[in-house]
Amino acid sequence: MDRVMNFFGIYEDDEGQARDYTTASDAEQMEVRGRKNVVSLHAAPKQVRVMLAEPRSYDEVQNIADHLKNNRTTVVSLQRLPKEEAYRVIDFLSGTVYALNGNISKLSPETIICSPPNVDIQGSISELISDDANDLLR
């Protein structure tokens, strides 16, 4: 009840009488007190971007890492890479994600998702994957 009364500029005296502040100095004091508890409910939420990447060579992995550094979740398809280069890409991105305190998860035999620390990935994809594909993404 006190907060509601304070909001409208009405305070109780020591005697329990409600008092309306109308003088400039009292209004200034009330305004300073009220600013501490003001929270905007109309703040627009920040738009989240998820990047999709399908590198064709190891040289493109730095661009993917730059997306992660800019707090963008990135889905990476490794299907266009030779197996050796796919290993190198995963190693590089694993190091990047570790340095940023992010997460890396397997979505399919040849697709991974890398996320910055402010994105939480929950759940898992069932393990109906061939052994060759599992070797690639271990």
Protein backbone atom coordinates (compact mmCIF):
# COMPACT_ATOMS: atom_id res chain seq x y z
CA MET A 1 0.00 0.00 0.00
CA ASP A 2 2.91 2.33 0.78
CA ARG A 3 4.30 1.86 -2.72
CA VAL A 4 0.99 2.79 -4.32
CA MET A 5 0.71 5.87 -2.14
CA ASN A 6 4.32 6.80 -2.91
CA PHE A 7 3.62 6.42 -6.62
CA PHE A 8 0.84 9.00 -6.44
CA GLY A 9 2.91 11.29 -4.22
CA ILE A 10 0.90 10.71 -1.07
CA TYR A 11 2.84 9.96 2.09
CA GLU A 12 1.69 9.37 5.66
CA ASP A 13 2.87 11.71 8.40
CA ASP A 14 4.10 10.40 11.73
CA GLU A 15 0.55 10.86 12.99
CA GLY A 16 -0.91 8.52 10.32
CA GLN A 17 -2.41 11.37 8.26
CA ALA A 18 -2.13 11.10 4.47
CA ARG A 19 -0.32 14.08 3.02
CA ASP A 20 -0.25 15.22 -0.60
CA TYR A 21 3.04 16.80 -1.66
CA THR A 22 2.45 19.84 -3.77
CA THR A 23 5.51 22.01 -3.13
CA ALA A 24 8.35 21.96 -5.62
CA SER A 25 10.98 20.65 -3.19
CA ASP A 26 8.74 17.80 -2.03
CA ALA A 27 7.86 16.88 -5.59
CA GLU A 28 11.55 16.83 -6.55
CA GLN A 29 12.34 14.52 -3.63
CA MET A 30 9.51 12.21 -4.60
CA GLU A 31 10.68 12.17 -8.24
CA VAL A 32 14.22 11.21 -7.24
CA ARG A 33 12.89 8.41 -5.01
CA GLY A 34 10.59 7.08 -7.72
CA ARG A 35 13.24 6.82 -10.47
CA LYS A 36 15.06 3.99 -8.72
CA ASN A 37 12.15 1.57 -9.15
CA VAL A 38 11.03 2.44 -12.69
CA VAL A 39 11.21 -0.46 -15.18
CA SER A 40 10.19 -0.11 -18.82
CA LEU A 41 7.71 -2.78 -19.85
CA HIS A 42 7.73 -1.69 -23.48
CA ALA A 43 11.35 -2.47 -24.28
CA ALA A 44 11.47 -4.26 -27.61
CA PRO A 45 13.08 -7.70 -27.44
CA LYS A 46 16.31 -8.08 -29.36
CA GLN A 47 15.92 -10.04 -32.57
CA VAL A 48 17.77 -13.37 -32.53
CA ARG A 49 19.55 -14.59 -35.64
CA VAL A 50 20.47 -18.15 -36.47
CA MET A 51 23.07 -18.45 -39.20
CA LEU A 52 23.22 -21.36 -41.63
CA ALA A 53 26.62 -22.33 -43.04
CA GLU A 54 27.68 -24.94 -45.55
CA PRO A 55 31.44 -24.56 -45.96
CA ARG A 56 33.03 -26.03 -49.08
CA SER A 57 36.57 -25.76 -47.72
CA TYR A 58 38.38 -25.32 -44.43
CA ASP A 59 39.13 -21.69 -45.36
CA GLU A 60 35.51 -20.72 -44.66
CA VAL A 61 35.57 -21.80 -41.00
CA GLN A 62 36.84 -18.42 -39.78
CA ASN A 63 33.64 -16.75 -41.05
CA ILE A 64 31.60 -19.23 -38.99
CA ALA A 65 33.71 -18.43 -35.93
CA ASP A 66 33.08 -14.71 -36.50
CA HIS A 67 29.32 -15.35 -36.34
CA LEU A 68 29.82 -17.10 -32.99
CA LYS A 69 31.92 -14.21 -31.70
CA ASN A 70 29.00 -11.91 -32.60
CA ASN A 71 26.66 -14.04 -30.41
CA ARG A 72 24.87 -15.70 -33.33
CA THR A 73 23.89 -19.34 -33.19
CA THR A 74 25.18 -21.15 -36.28
CA VAL A 75 24.04 -24.39 -37.88
CA VAL A 76 26.86 -25.94 -39.91
CA SER A 77 26.35 -28.56 -42.61
CA LEU A 78 29.51 -30.58 -43.29
CA GLN A 79 28.19 -32.63 -46.20
CA ARG A 80 30.14 -30.76 -48.89
CA LEU A 81 33.50 -31.26 -47.15
CA PRO A 82 35.89 -34.20 -47.45
CA LYS A 83 36.09 -36.20 -44.22
CA GLU A 84 39.55 -34.87 -43.26
CA GLU A 85 38.51 -31.25 -43.68
CA ALA A 86 35.27 -31.88 -41.76
CA TYR A 87 37.38 -33.08 -38.81
CA ARG A 88 39.46 -29.90 -38.97
CA VAL A 89 36.33 -27.71 -39.12
CA ILE A 90 34.86 -29.45 -36.08
CA ASP A 91 38.16 -29.08 -34.20
CA PHE A 92 38.37 -25.37 -35.01
CA LEU A 93 34.75 -24.70 -34.08
CA SER A 94 35.08 -26.76 -30.88
CA GLY A 95 38.00 -24.57 -29.84
CA THR A 96 36.09 -21.41 -30.70
CA VAL A 97 33.02 -22.53 -28.77
CA TYR A 98 35.18 -23.52 -25.79
CA ALA A 99 36.92 -20.13 -25.76
CA LEU A 100 33.53 -18.36 -25.84
CA ASN A 101 31.97 -20.67 -23.19
CA GLY A 102 29.38 -21.71 -25.77
CA ASN A 103 27.92 -25.07 -26.79
CA ILE A 104 28.31 -27.41 -29.73
CA SER A 105 25.88 -30.23 -30.50
CA LYS A 106 25.29 -32.76 -33.25
CA LEU A 107 21.99 -32.44 -35.13
CA SER A 108 22.55 -35.15 -37.73
CA PRO A 109 25.48 -37.22 -39.04
CA GLU A 110 26.81 -34.24 -41.01
CA THR A 111 25.22 -31.23 -39.27
CA ILE A 112 26.23 -29.48 -36.05
CA ILE A 113 24.93 -26.47 -34.16
CA CYS A 114 27.26 -24.04 -32.43
CA SER A 115 25.85 -21.53 -29.99
CA PRO A 116 27.22 -18.68 -27.89
CA PRO A 117 26.92 -18.76 -24.08
CA ASN A 118 23.63 -16.80 -24.02
CA VAL A 119 21.82 -19.58 -25.97
CA ASP A 120 20.86 -22.80 -24.23
CA ILE A 121 20.35 -25.91 -26.35
CA GLN A 122 18.20 -28.59 -24.75
CA GLY A 123 17.22 -32.06 -25.89
CA SER A 124 18.99 -34.51 -28.15
CA ILE A 125 18.58 -36.18 -31.50
CA SER A 126 18.07 -39.96 -31.47
CA GLU A 127 21.08 -42.10 -32.22
CA LEU A 128 19.84 -43.75 -35.44
CA ILE A 129 23.08 -42.84 -37.18
CA SER A 130 25.49 -45.13 -38.99
CA ASP A 131 28.89 -45.90 -37.44
CA ASP A 132 30.75 -44.05 -40.23
CA ALA A 133 28.82 -40.89 -39.54
CA ASN A 134 29.38 -41.24 -35.79
CA ASP A 135 33.15 -41.43 -36.40
CA LEU A 136 32.97 -38.09 -38.18
CA LEU A 137 31.18 -36.28 -35.35
CA ARG A 138 32.72 -37.76 -32.21
